[in-house]
Protein backbone atom coordinates (compact mmCIF):
# COMPACT_ATOMS: atom_id res chain seq x y z
CA MET A 1 72.92 75.59 23.99
CA GLU A 2 74.80 76.83 20.94
CA ASN A 3 73.31 80.23 21.44
CA ARG A 4 75.64 81.18 24.20
CA ASN A 5 76.36 85.14 24.45
CA PHE A 6 79.12 84.60 26.92
CA THR A 7 82.34 82.02 27.16
CA ARG A 8 81.54 79.37 29.88
CA VAL A 9 84.15 77.19 31.43
CA ASP A 10 83.95 74.21 33.64
CA TYR A 11 84.06 75.11 37.33
CA CYS A 12 83.62 73.09 40.27
CA GLU A 13 82.34 74.63 43.69
CA CYS A 14 79.59 73.94 46.28
CA VAL A 15 77.35 76.72 46.69
CA SER A 16 74.12 78.10 48.58
CA ILE A 17 71.02 79.07 46.86
CA LYS A 18 68.65 80.81 48.81
CA HIS A 19 65.21 81.85 47.46
CA ASP A 20 62.01 83.03 48.87
CA GLU A 21 63.81 84.68 51.86
CA ASP A 22 63.95 81.47 53.65
CA GLN A 23 64.58 78.50 51.56
CA THR A 24 68.16 77.51 51.36
CA PHE A 25 69.88 74.77 49.70
CA PHE A 26 73.10 73.71 48.24
CA GLY A 27 74.52 72.37 44.80
CA ASP A 28 77.60 72.14 42.90
CA VAL A 29 78.43 74.22 40.36
CA LYS A 30 79.10 72.64 36.85
CA ASN A 31 80.33 75.81 34.71
CA VAL A 32 80.31 79.43 35.06
CA SER A 33 80.55 82.52 32.77
CA LEU A 34 80.53 86.27 33.38
CA GLN A 35 76.48 86.20 33.12
CA GLY A 36 75.58 82.89 34.49
CA LEU A 37 76.13 79.70 35.89
CA PHE A 38 74.71 76.02 35.94
CA ILE A 39 74.11 74.59 39.39
CA LYS A 40 73.87 70.57 39.84
CA THR A 41 71.16 70.02 42.20
CA LEU A 42 67.90 67.83 42.74
CA GLU A 43 65.98 70.91 43.99
CA LYS A 44 63.55 72.49 41.66
CA VAL A 45 63.03 76.08 41.62
CA PRO A 46 60.42 78.08 39.33
CA ILE A 47 62.10 79.87 36.11
CA ARG A 48 62.54 83.71 36.85
CA THR A 49 62.75 83.32 40.55
CA PRO A 50 65.38 85.52 42.26
CA VAL A 51 68.14 83.82 44.17
CA GLU A 52 71.23 84.43 45.96
CA ILE A 53 73.95 82.66 45.27
CA THR A 54 76.90 82.26 47.73
CA PHE A 55 80.35 80.61 47.44
CA PHE A 56 82.37 79.91 50.30
CA PHE A 57 85.99 79.67 50.01
CA SER A 58 86.87 79.66 53.63
CA ASN A 59 85.78 80.97 56.84
CA ASN A 60 86.75 84.52 55.83
CA SER A 61 86.21 84.43 52.11
CA SER A 62 82.88 84.30 49.95
CA MET A 63 81.40 85.63 46.78
CA TYR A 64 78.09 86.65 46.22
CA LEU A 65 75.48 86.94 43.23
CA ASN A 66 72.16 88.30 42.86
CA ALA A 67 70.56 86.02 40.15
CA SER A 68 67.60 84.49 38.92
CA VAL A 69 66.76 80.96 37.45
CA VAL A 70 66.64 80.68 33.70
CA ARG A 71 66.42 77.22 33.42
CA CYS A 72 65.22 74.49 35.75
CA GLU A 73 65.93 70.59 34.57
CA ALA A 74 66.37 67.32 35.95
CA ALA A 75 70.26 67.83 36.32
CA GLY A 76 70.12 71.09 37.98
CA LEU A 77 69.37 74.88 37.52
CA GLY A 78 70.54 77.55 34.97
CA ILE A 79 71.08 80.78 36.74
CA GLN A 80 71.58 84.32 35.34
CA ILE A 81 73.77 86.63 37.24
CA ASN A 82 71.73 90.05 37.77
CA GLY A 83 74.28 91.62 40.12
CA MET A 84 77.37 91.21 42.17
CA ASP A 85 79.83 93.27 43.94
CA ILE A 86 83.33 94.18 42.85
CA ASN A 87 85.15 91.82 44.88
CA SER A 88 83.02 88.99 43.58
CA PHE A 89 83.22 90.27 40.04
CA VAL A 90 87.28 90.11 40.19
CA TYR A 91 87.10 86.40 41.47
CA LEU A 92 84.89 85.37 38.62
CA ARG A 93 86.86 87.31 36.08
CA ASN A 94 90.21 85.58 37.31
CA VAL A 95 88.26 82.23 37.29
CA MET A 96 87.38 82.98 33.54
CA SER A 97 90.81 84.22 32.76
CA ARG A 98 92.82 81.31 33.82
CA GLN A 99 90.67 78.85 31.52
CA CYS A 100 89.69 81.41 28.71
CA ASN A 101 92.41 81.17 25.75
CA ASP A 102 90.88 84.39 24.08
CA GLN A 103 91.66 87.29 26.45
CA GLY A 104 90.48 89.65 24.09
CA LEU A 105 87.12 87.94 23.78
CA LEU A 106 87.13 87.90 27.74
CA MET A 107 87.67 91.83 27.72
CA ARG A 108 84.81 92.42 25.31
CA GLU A 109 82.46 90.22 27.55
CA THR A 110 83.66 92.10 30.81
CA LEU A 111 82.46 95.32 29.00
CA LYS A 112 78.99 93.96 28.21
CA ILE A 113 78.37 92.86 31.91
CA THR A 114 79.62 96.18 33.74
CA ASN A 115 76.25 97.25 34.82
CA CYS A 116 75.44 94.32 36.89
CA ILE A 117 78.46 95.20 39.11
CA HIS A 118 77.77 97.21 42.20
């Protein structure tokens, strides 16, 4: 895990994970980065499976990520973000900004992932 390319911060939020177009389950996010997240769940999803992650903040507010499973272990799933809309990016970047002490590093990481914002 020391080979991380992006800063990871603790974050606790319940999310839904949808895969194979009709399979949906819930998990708890343990940590996030601009490139991915780790979700605590007992569900098993094969590596490289595309997933849709939804964060529900209120009845009128949510964040959506297009992603894929990159790690599946007993404690949960490692998820790589492949795409997100601009509102989801802004929310995720704000989460990172509140916990990251190196704003210059966060800006460099932001520039690295701009291709997945649509």
